Full PDB file with SEQRES, HELIX, SHEET, SSBOND, CRYST1, ORIGX, SCALE, CONECT and MASTER records, all heavy atoms in Angstrom:
SEQRES   1 A   31  ARG ASP HIS TYR THR GLN ASP VAL VAL HIS TYR GLU PRO          
SEQRES   2 A   31  LYS GLU PHE ASP VAL LEU HIS ALA MET MET SER ARG LEU          
SEQRES   3 A   31  GLY ARG VAL ASN GLY                                          
HELIX    1 AA1 PRO A   13  LEU A   26  1                                  14    
CRYST1    1.000    1.000    1.000  90.00  90.00  90.00 P 1           1          
ORIGX1      1.000000  0.000000  0.000000        0.00000                         
ORIGX2      0.000000  1.000000  0.000000        0.00000                         
ORIGX3      0.000000  0.000000  1.000000        0.00000                         
SCALE1      1.000000  0.000000  0.000000        0.00000                         
SCALE2      0.000000  1.000000  0.000000        0.00000                         
SCALE3      0.000000  0.000000  1.000000        0.00000                         
ATOM      1  N   ARG A   1      72.225   2.541 -84.120  1.00  0.00           N  
ATOM      2  CA  ARG A   1      71.974   1.477 -85.057  1.00  0.00           C  
ATOM      3  C   ARG A   1      70.937   1.890 -86.047  1.00  0.00           C  
ATOM      4  O   ARG A   1      70.231   2.874 -85.933  1.00  0.00           O  
ATOM      5  CB  ARG A   1      71.446   0.236 -84.351  1.00  0.00           C  
ATOM      6  CG  ARG A   1      70.066   0.455 -83.696  1.00  0.00           C  
ATOM      7  CD  ARG A   1      69.677  -0.621 -82.760  1.00  0.00           C  
ATOM      8  NE  ARG A   1      68.358  -0.488 -82.050  1.00  0.00           N  
ATOM      9  CZ  ARG A   1      68.168   0.352 -81.128  1.00  0.00           C  
ATOM     10  NH1 ARG A   1      69.099   1.028 -80.514  1.00  0.00           N  
ATOM     11  NH2 ARG A   1      66.953   0.431 -80.540  1.00  0.00           N  
ATOM     12  N   ASP A   2      70.877   1.180 -87.176  1.00  0.00           N  
ATOM     13  CA  ASP A   2      69.842   1.401 -88.247  1.00  0.00           C  
ATOM     14  C   ASP A   2      68.531   1.005 -87.573  1.00  0.00           C  
ATOM     15  O   ASP A   2      68.176  -0.171 -87.342  1.00  0.00           O  
ATOM     16  CB  ASP A   2      70.122   0.503 -89.450  1.00  0.00           C  
ATOM     17  CG  ASP A   2      69.196   0.703 -90.626  1.00  0.00           C  
ATOM     18  OD1 ASP A   2      68.012   1.033 -90.369  1.00  0.00           O  
ATOM     19  OD2 ASP A   2      69.578   0.566 -91.772  1.00  0.00           O  
ATOM     20  N   HIS A   3      67.660   1.961 -87.355  1.00  0.00           N  
ATOM     21  CA  HIS A   3      66.421   1.704 -86.679  1.00  0.00           C  
ATOM     22  C   HIS A   3      65.379   0.971 -87.544  1.00  0.00           C  
ATOM     23  O   HIS A   3      64.331   0.451 -87.041  1.00  0.00           O  
ATOM     24  CB  HIS A   3      65.757   2.995 -86.168  1.00  0.00           C  
ATOM     25  CG  HIS A   3      65.355   3.950 -87.184  1.00  0.00           C  
ATOM     26  ND1 HIS A   3      66.171   4.919 -87.778  1.00  0.00           N  
ATOM     27  CD2 HIS A   3      64.125   4.135 -87.828  1.00  0.00           C  
ATOM     28  CE1 HIS A   3      65.585   5.546 -88.751  1.00  0.00           C  
ATOM     29  NE2 HIS A   3      64.217   5.166 -88.735  1.00  0.00           N  
ATOM     30  N   TYR A   4      65.663   0.819 -88.855  1.00  0.00           N  
ATOM     31  CA  TYR A   4      64.769   0.086 -89.716  1.00  0.00           C  
ATOM     32  C   TYR A   4      65.084  -1.428 -89.611  1.00  0.00           C  
ATOM     33  O   TYR A   4      64.260  -2.298 -89.610  1.00  0.00           O  
ATOM     34  CB  TYR A   4      64.948   0.542 -91.120  1.00  0.00           C  
ATOM     35  CG  TYR A   4      64.408   1.864 -91.496  1.00  0.00           C  
ATOM     36  CD1 TYR A   4      65.316   2.932 -91.654  1.00  0.00           C  
ATOM     37  CD2 TYR A   4      63.029   2.091 -91.694  1.00  0.00           C  
ATOM     38  CE1 TYR A   4      64.824   4.229 -91.880  1.00  0.00           C  
ATOM     39  CE2 TYR A   4      62.592   3.392 -91.932  1.00  0.00           C  
ATOM     40  CZ  TYR A   4      63.495   4.480 -92.013  1.00  0.00           C  
ATOM     41  OH  TYR A   4      62.964   5.700 -92.352  1.00  0.00           O  
ATOM     42  N   THR A   5      66.356  -1.752 -89.547  1.00  0.00           N  
ATOM     43  CA  THR A   5      66.741  -3.182 -89.584  1.00  0.00           C  
ATOM     44  C   THR A   5      67.375  -3.664 -88.238  1.00  0.00           C  
ATOM     45  O   THR A   5      67.546  -4.858 -88.031  1.00  0.00           O  
ATOM     46  CB  THR A   5      67.828  -3.379 -90.693  1.00  0.00           C  
ATOM     47  OG1 THR A   5      69.005  -2.677 -90.332  1.00  0.00           O  
ATOM     48  CG2 THR A   5      67.353  -2.886 -92.011  1.00  0.00           C  
ATOM     49  N   GLN A   6      67.721  -2.713 -87.347  1.00  0.00           N  
ATOM     50  CA  GLN A   6      68.356  -2.966 -86.036  1.00  0.00           C  
ATOM     51  C   GLN A   6      69.834  -3.483 -86.234  1.00  0.00           C  
ATOM     52  O   GLN A   6      70.349  -4.015 -85.183  1.00  0.00           O  
ATOM     53  CB  GLN A   6      67.579  -4.122 -85.293  1.00  0.00           C  
ATOM     54  CG  GLN A   6      66.077  -3.713 -85.039  1.00  0.00           C  
ATOM     55  CD  GLN A   6      65.965  -2.345 -84.300  1.00  0.00           C  
ATOM     56  OE1 GLN A   6      66.561  -2.159 -83.240  1.00  0.00           O  
ATOM     57  NE2 GLN A   6      65.129  -1.496 -84.844  1.00  0.00           N  
ATOM     58  N   ASP A   7      70.355  -3.267 -87.396  1.00  0.00           N  
ATOM     59  CA  ASP A   7      71.750  -3.639 -87.621  1.00  0.00           C  
ATOM     60  C   ASP A   7      72.680  -2.662 -86.963  1.00  0.00           C  
ATOM     61  O   ASP A   7      72.359  -1.423 -86.900  1.00  0.00           O  
ATOM     62  CB  ASP A   7      72.047  -3.740 -89.134  1.00  0.00           C  
ATOM     63  CG  ASP A   7      71.577  -4.958 -89.744  1.00  0.00           C  
ATOM     64  OD1 ASP A   7      72.091  -6.023 -89.442  1.00  0.00           O  
ATOM     65  OD2 ASP A   7      70.578  -4.834 -90.627  1.00  0.00           O  
ATOM     66  N   VAL A   8      73.793  -3.148 -86.462  1.00  0.00           N  
ATOM     67  CA  VAL A   8      74.735  -2.289 -85.682  1.00  0.00           C  
ATOM     68  C   VAL A   8      76.089  -2.304 -86.489  1.00  0.00           C  
ATOM     69  O   VAL A   8      76.481  -3.326 -86.956  1.00  0.00           O  
ATOM     70  CB  VAL A   8      74.947  -2.787 -84.288  1.00  0.00           C  
ATOM     71  CG1 VAL A   8      75.948  -1.961 -83.497  1.00  0.00           C  
ATOM     72  CG2 VAL A   8      73.638  -2.801 -83.513  1.00  0.00           C  
ATOM     73  N   VAL A   9      76.739  -1.153 -86.512  1.00  0.00           N  
ATOM     74  CA  VAL A   9      78.056  -1.026 -87.051  1.00  0.00           C  
ATOM     75  C   VAL A   9      78.980  -0.473 -86.073  1.00  0.00           C  
ATOM     76  O   VAL A   9      78.623   0.265 -85.177  1.00  0.00           O  
ATOM     77  CB  VAL A   9      78.068  -0.146 -88.381  1.00  0.00           C  
ATOM     78  CG1 VAL A   9      77.863   1.285 -88.051  1.00  0.00           C  
ATOM     79  CG2 VAL A   9      79.280  -0.376 -89.202  1.00  0.00           C  
ATOM     80  N   HIS A  10      80.227  -0.766 -86.178  1.00  0.00           N  
ATOM     81  CA  HIS A  10      81.275  -0.109 -85.279  1.00  0.00           C  
ATOM     82  C   HIS A  10      81.572   1.261 -85.803  1.00  0.00           C  
ATOM     83  O   HIS A  10      82.169   1.477 -86.844  1.00  0.00           O  
ATOM     84  CB  HIS A  10      82.539  -1.011 -85.276  1.00  0.00           C  
ATOM     85  CG  HIS A  10      83.639  -0.357 -84.421  1.00  0.00           C  
ATOM     86  ND1 HIS A  10      83.516  -0.175 -83.032  1.00  0.00           N  
ATOM     87  CD2 HIS A  10      84.885   0.102 -84.623  1.00  0.00           C  
ATOM     88  CE1 HIS A  10      84.624   0.440 -82.578  1.00  0.00           C  
ATOM     89  NE2 HIS A  10      85.436   0.616 -83.568  1.00  0.00           N  
ATOM     90  N   TYR A  11      81.129   2.246 -85.040  1.00  0.00           N  
ATOM     91  CA  TYR A  11      81.427   3.696 -85.482  1.00  0.00           C  
ATOM     92  C   TYR A  11      82.814   4.070 -85.311  1.00  0.00           C  
ATOM     93  O   TYR A  11      83.608   3.638 -84.423  1.00  0.00           O  
ATOM     94  CB  TYR A  11      80.560   4.561 -84.644  1.00  0.00           C  
ATOM     95  CG  TYR A  11      79.388   5.228 -85.408  1.00  0.00           C  
ATOM     96  CD1 TYR A  11      78.274   4.444 -85.580  1.00  0.00           C  
ATOM     97  CD2 TYR A  11      79.423   6.469 -85.972  1.00  0.00           C  
ATOM     98  CE1 TYR A  11      77.142   4.885 -86.264  1.00  0.00           C  
ATOM     99  CE2 TYR A  11      78.331   6.946 -86.684  1.00  0.00           C  
ATOM    100  CZ  TYR A  11      77.228   6.148 -86.845  1.00  0.00           C  
ATOM    101  OH  TYR A  11      76.170   6.696 -87.531  1.00  0.00           O  
ATOM    102  N   GLU A  12      83.311   4.928 -86.177  1.00  0.00           N  
ATOM    103  CA  GLU A  12      84.659   5.525 -86.070  1.00  0.00           C  
ATOM    104  C   GLU A  12      84.665   6.484 -84.814  1.00  0.00           C  
ATOM    105  O   GLU A  12      83.877   7.415 -84.855  1.00  0.00           O  
ATOM    106  CB  GLU A  12      85.008   6.315 -87.364  1.00  0.00           C  
ATOM    107  CG  GLU A  12      86.235   7.237 -87.236  1.00  0.00           C  
ATOM    108  CD  GLU A  12      87.450   6.426 -86.855  1.00  0.00           C  
ATOM    109  OE1 GLU A  12      87.797   5.503 -87.516  1.00  0.00           O  
ATOM    110  OE2 GLU A  12      88.116   6.785 -85.823  1.00  0.00           O  
ATOM    111  N   PRO A  13      85.507   6.092 -83.807  1.00  0.00           N  
ATOM    112  CA  PRO A  13      85.428   6.897 -82.571  1.00  0.00           C  
ATOM    113  C   PRO A  13      85.682   8.367 -82.836  1.00  0.00           C  
ATOM    114  O   PRO A  13      85.210   9.288 -82.030  1.00  0.00           O  
ATOM    115  CB  PRO A  13      86.515   6.315 -81.679  1.00  0.00           C  
ATOM    116  CG  PRO A  13      86.631   4.860 -82.209  1.00  0.00           C  
ATOM    117  CD  PRO A  13      86.368   5.008 -83.689  1.00  0.00           C  
ATOM    118  N   LYS A  14      86.376   8.741 -83.879  1.00  0.00           N  
ATOM    119  CA  LYS A  14      86.729  10.161 -84.091  1.00  0.00           C  
ATOM    120  C   LYS A  14      85.351  10.893 -84.290  1.00  0.00           C  
ATOM    121  O   LYS A  14      85.245  12.141 -84.017  1.00  0.00           O  
ATOM    122  CB  LYS A  14      87.555  10.295 -85.340  1.00  0.00           C  
ATOM    123  CG  LYS A  14      88.003  11.730 -85.600  1.00  0.00           C  
ATOM    124  CD  LYS A  14      88.667  11.850 -86.939  1.00  0.00           C  
ATOM    125  CE  LYS A  14      88.947  13.200 -87.312  1.00  0.00           C  
ATOM    126  NZ  LYS A  14      89.648  13.420 -88.683  1.00  0.00           N  
ATOM    127  N   GLU A  15      84.316  10.305 -84.816  1.00  0.00           N  
ATOM    128  CA  GLU A  15      83.069  11.000 -84.948  1.00  0.00           C  
ATOM    129  C   GLU A  15      82.524  11.512 -83.571  1.00  0.00           C  
ATOM    130  O   GLU A  15      82.009  12.665 -83.592  1.00  0.00           O  
ATOM    131  CB  GLU A  15      82.058   9.959 -85.546  1.00  0.00           C  
ATOM    132  CG  GLU A  15      80.619  10.555 -85.707  1.00  0.00           C  
ATOM    133  CD  GLU A  15      80.413  11.569 -86.787  1.00  0.00           C  
ATOM    134  OE1 GLU A  15      81.444  11.699 -87.625  1.00  0.00           O  
ATOM    135  OE2 GLU A  15      79.362  12.079 -86.933  1.00  0.00           O  
ATOM    136  N   PHE A  16      82.708  10.744 -82.583  1.00  0.00           N  
ATOM    137  CA  PHE A  16      82.278  11.178 -81.244  1.00  0.00           C  
ATOM    138  C   PHE A  16      83.167  12.343 -80.764  1.00  0.00           C  
ATOM    139  O   PHE A  16      82.716  13.278 -80.087  1.00  0.00           O  
ATOM    140  CB  PHE A  16      82.312  10.074 -80.278  1.00  0.00           C  
ATOM    141  CG  PHE A  16      81.519   8.877 -80.757  1.00  0.00           C  
ATOM    142  CD1 PHE A  16      82.082   7.559 -80.721  1.00  0.00           C  
ATOM    143  CD2 PHE A  16      80.290   8.974 -81.258  1.00  0.00           C  
ATOM    144  CE1 PHE A  16      81.389   6.456 -81.177  1.00  0.00           C  
ATOM    145  CE2 PHE A  16      79.560   7.890 -81.800  1.00  0.00           C  
ATOM    146  CZ  PHE A  16      80.142   6.593 -81.705  1.00  0.00           C  
ATOM    147  N   ASP A  17      84.475  12.353 -81.150  1.00  0.00           N  
ATOM    148  CA  ASP A  17      85.334  13.479 -80.807  1.00  0.00           C  
ATOM    149  C   ASP A  17      84.910  14.768 -81.537  1.00  0.00           C  
ATOM    150  O   ASP A  17      84.963  15.863 -80.956  1.00  0.00           O  
ATOM    151  CB  ASP A  17      86.801  13.143 -81.159  1.00  0.00           C  
ATOM    152  CG  ASP A  17      87.388  12.049 -80.324  1.00  0.00           C  
ATOM    153  OD1 ASP A  17      87.032  11.933 -79.184  1.00  0.00           O  
ATOM    154  OD2 ASP A  17      88.149  11.218 -80.922  1.00  0.00           O  
ATOM    155  N   VAL A  18      84.512  14.596 -82.720  1.00  0.00           N  
ATOM    156  CA  VAL A  18      83.991  15.810 -83.469  1.00  0.00           C  
ATOM    157  C   VAL A  18      82.730  16.348 -82.804  1.00  0.00           C  
ATOM    158  O   VAL A  18      82.608  17.554 -82.591  1.00  0.00           O  
ATOM    159  CB  VAL A  18      83.686  15.405 -84.971  1.00  0.00           C  
ATOM    160  CG1 VAL A  18      82.980  16.493 -85.665  1.00  0.00           C  
ATOM    161  CG2 VAL A  18      84.914  15.072 -85.689  1.00  0.00           C  
ATOM    162  N   LEU A  19      81.791  15.449 -82.395  1.00  0.00           N  
ATOM    163  CA  LEU A  19      80.595  15.914 -81.710  1.00  0.00           C  
ATOM    164  C   LEU A  19      80.942  16.599 -80.355  1.00  0.00           C  
ATOM    165  O   LEU A  19      80.310  17.670 -80.049  1.00  0.00           O  
ATOM    166  CB  LEU A  19      79.605  14.777 -81.449  1.00  0.00           C  
ATOM    167  CG  LEU A  19      79.106  13.993 -82.675  1.00  0.00           C  
ATOM    168  CD1 LEU A  19      78.048  13.002 -82.267  1.00  0.00           C  
ATOM    169  CD2 LEU A  19      78.542  14.960 -83.763  1.00  0.00           C  
ATOM    170  N   HIS A  20      81.815  16.005 -79.643  1.00  0.00           N  
ATOM    171  CA  HIS A  20      82.205  16.663 -78.404  1.00  0.00           C  
ATOM    172  C   HIS A  20      82.850  17.970 -78.541  1.00  0.00           C  
ATOM    173  O   HIS A  20      82.521  18.921 -77.839  1.00  0.00           O  
ATOM    174  CB  HIS A  20      83.191  15.740 -77.640  1.00  0.00           C  
ATOM    175  CG  HIS A  20      83.442  16.044 -76.217  1.00  0.00           C  
ATOM    176  ND1 HIS A  20      84.375  17.085 -75.869  1.00  0.00           N  
ATOM    177  CD2 HIS A  20      82.872  15.732 -75.020  1.00  0.00           C  
ATOM    178  CE1 HIS A  20      84.377  17.197 -74.569  1.00  0.00           C  
ATOM    179  NE2 HIS A  20      83.490  16.435 -74.053  1.00  0.00           N  
ATOM    180  N   ALA A  21      83.739  18.152 -79.477  1.00  0.00           N  
ATOM    181  CA  ALA A  21      84.326  19.350 -79.808  1.00  0.00           C  
ATOM    182  C   ALA A  21      83.356  20.434 -80.251  1.00  0.00           C  
ATOM    183  O   ALA A  21      83.405  21.571 -79.953  1.00  0.00           O  
ATOM    184  CB  ALA A  21      85.488  19.207 -80.841  1.00  0.00           C  
ATOM    185  N   MET A  22      82.345  19.952 -81.127  1.00  0.00           N  
ATOM    186  CA  MET A  22      81.374  20.890 -81.662  1.00  0.00           C  
ATOM    187  C   MET A  22      80.529  21.419 -80.478  1.00  0.00           C  
ATOM    188  O   MET A  22      80.205  22.621 -80.275  1.00  0.00           O  
ATOM    189  CB  MET A  22      80.498  20.158 -82.583  1.00  0.00           C  
ATOM    190  CG  MET A  22      79.272  20.996 -83.241  1.00  0.00           C  
ATOM    191  SD  MET A  22      78.152  19.973 -84.220  1.00  0.00           S  
ATOM    192  CE  MET A  22      77.311  19.195 -82.781  1.00  0.00           C  
ATOM    193  N   MET A  23      80.115  20.607 -79.568  1.00  0.00           N  
ATOM    194  CA  MET A  23      79.289  20.989 -78.398  1.00  0.00           C  
ATOM    195  C   MET A  23      80.060  21.921 -77.517  1.00  0.00           C  
ATOM    196  O   MET A  23      79.427  22.847 -76.885  1.00  0.00           O  
ATOM    197  CB  MET A  23      78.762  19.735 -77.637  1.00  0.00           C  
ATOM    198  CG  MET A  23      77.786  18.823 -78.451  1.00  0.00           C  
ATOM    199  SD  MET A  23      76.264  19.735 -78.911  1.00  0.00           S  
ATOM    200  CE  MET A  23      75.405  19.755 -77.346  1.00  0.00           C  
ATOM    201  N   SER A  24      81.387  21.655 -77.355  1.00  0.00           N  
ATOM    202  CA  SER A  24      82.157  22.514 -76.566  1.00  0.00           C  
ATOM    203  C   SER A  24      82.260  23.954 -77.151  1.00  0.00           C  
ATOM    204  O   SER A  24      82.113  24.907 -76.441  1.00  0.00           O  
ATOM    205  CB  SER A  24      83.575  21.935 -76.422  1.00  0.00           C  
ATOM    206  OG  SER A  24      84.461  22.815 -75.652  1.00  0.00           O  
ATOM    207  N   ARG A  25      82.505  23.995 -78.487  1.00  0.00           N  
ATOM    208  CA  ARG A  25      82.529  25.321 -79.152  1.00  0.00           C  
ATOM    209  C   ARG A  25      81.156  26.032 -79.125  1.00  0.00           C  
ATOM    210  O   ARG A  25      81.175  27.263 -79.122  1.00  0.00           O  
ATOM    211  CB  ARG A  25      83.035  25.137 -80.561  1.00  0.00           C  
ATOM    212  CG  ARG A  25      84.487  24.739 -80.648  1.00  0.00           C  
ATOM    213  CD  ARG A  25      85.029  24.905 -82.051  1.00  0.00           C  
ATOM    214  NE  ARG A  25      86.445  24.611 -82.074  1.00  0.00           N  
ATOM    215  CZ  ARG A  25      87.263  24.960 -83.083  1.00  0.00           C  
ATOM    216  NH1 ARG A  25      86.763  25.609 -84.105  1.00  0.00           N  
ATOM    217  NH2 ARG A  25      88.583  24.599 -83.020  1.00  0.00           N  
ATOM    218  N   LEU A  26      80.126  25.237 -79.015  1.00  0.00           N  
ATOM    219  CA  LEU A  26      78.848  25.872 -78.921  1.00  0.00           C  
ATOM    220  C   LEU A  26      78.471  26.438 -77.538  1.00  0.00           C  
ATOM    221  O   LEU A  26      77.431  27.022 -77.222  1.00  0.00           O  
ATOM    222  CB  LEU A  26      77.701  24.876 -79.336  1.00  0.00           C  
ATOM    223  CG  LEU A  26      77.548  24.603 -80.865  1.00  0.00           C  
ATOM    224  CD1 LEU A  26      76.627  23.410 -81.012  1.00  0.00           C  
ATOM    225  CD2 LEU A  26      77.010  25.802 -81.596  1.00  0.00           C  
ATOM    226  N   GLY A  27      79.354  26.009 -76.597  1.00  0.00           N  
ATOM    227  CA  GLY A  27      79.154  26.368 -75.184  1.00  0.00           C  
ATOM    228  C   GLY A  27      78.149  25.528 -74.565  1.00  0.00           C  
ATOM    229  O   GLY A  27      77.466  25.864 -73.554  1.00  0.00           O  
ATOM    230  N   ARG A  28      77.903  24.262 -75.010  1.00  0.00           N  
ATOM    231  CA  ARG A  28      76.930  23.371 -74.587  1.00  0.00           C  
ATOM    232  C   ARG A  28      77.481  21.929 -74.388  1.00  0.00           C  
ATOM    233  O   ARG A  28      76.942  20.974 -74.860  1.00  0.00           O  
ATOM    234  CB  ARG A  28      75.706  23.331 -75.516  1.00  0.00           C  
ATOM    235  CG  ARG A  28      75.051  24.639 -75.689  1.00  0.00           C  
ATOM    236  CD  ARG A  28      73.731  24.472 -76.473  1.00  0.00           C  
ATOM    237  NE  ARG A  28      73.027  25.748 -76.505  1.00  0.00           N  
ATOM    238  CZ  ARG A  28      71.778  25.934 -76.073  1.00  0.00           C  
ATOM    239  NH1 ARG A  28      71.093  24.901 -75.660  1.00  0.00           N  
ATOM    240  NH2 ARG A  28      71.167  27.139 -76.113  1.00  0.00           N  
ATOM    241  N   VAL A  29      78.628  21.997 -73.650  1.00  0.00           N  
ATOM    242  CA  VAL A  29      79.354  20.693 -73.524  1.00  0.00           C  
ATOM    243  C   VAL A  29      78.386  19.651 -72.723  1.00  0.00           C  
ATOM    244  O   VAL A  29      78.628  18.459 -72.888  1.00  0.00           O  
ATOM    245  CB  VAL A  29      80.639  20.898 -72.683  1.00  0.00           C  
ATOM    246  CG1 VAL A  29      80.364  21.340 -71.256  1.00  0.00           C  
ATOM    247  CG2 VAL A  29      81.553  19.647 -72.751  1.00  0.00           C  
ATOM    248  N   ASN A  30      77.411  20.096 -71.930  1.00  0.00           N  
ATOM    249  CA  ASN A  30      76.581  19.249 -71.317  1.00  0.00           C  
ATOM    250  C   ASN A  30      75.178  19.230 -72.013  1.00  0.00           C  
ATOM    251  O   ASN A  30      74.249  18.707 -71.432  1.00  0.00           O  
ATOM    252  CB  ASN A  30      76.327  19.628 -69.826  1.00  0.00           C  
ATOM    253  CG  ASN A  30      77.612  19.503 -69.013  1.00  0.00           C  
ATOM    254  OD1 ASN A  30      78.320  18.468 -69.156  1.00  0.00           O  
ATOM    255  ND2 ASN A  30      77.971  20.482 -68.192  1.00  0.00           N  
ATOM    256  N   GLY A  31      75.130  19.766 -73.208  1.00  0.00           N  
ATOM    257  CA  GLY A  31      73.836  19.818 -73.838  1.00  0.00           C  
ATOM    258  C   GLY A  31      73.537  18.498 -74.540  1.00  0.00           C  
ATOM    259  O   GLY A  31      74.340  17.530 -74.641  1.00  0.00           O  
TER     260      GLY A  31                                                      
MASTER        0    0    0    1    0    0    0    6  259    1    0    3          
END                                                                             
């Protein structure tokens, strides 16, 4: 959420898939 206003938005779930794949390629899937 926006930590200034506390507003929440529905994130595009693909963003989380990108982060997961990035961490996997870094060899830090549990990082």
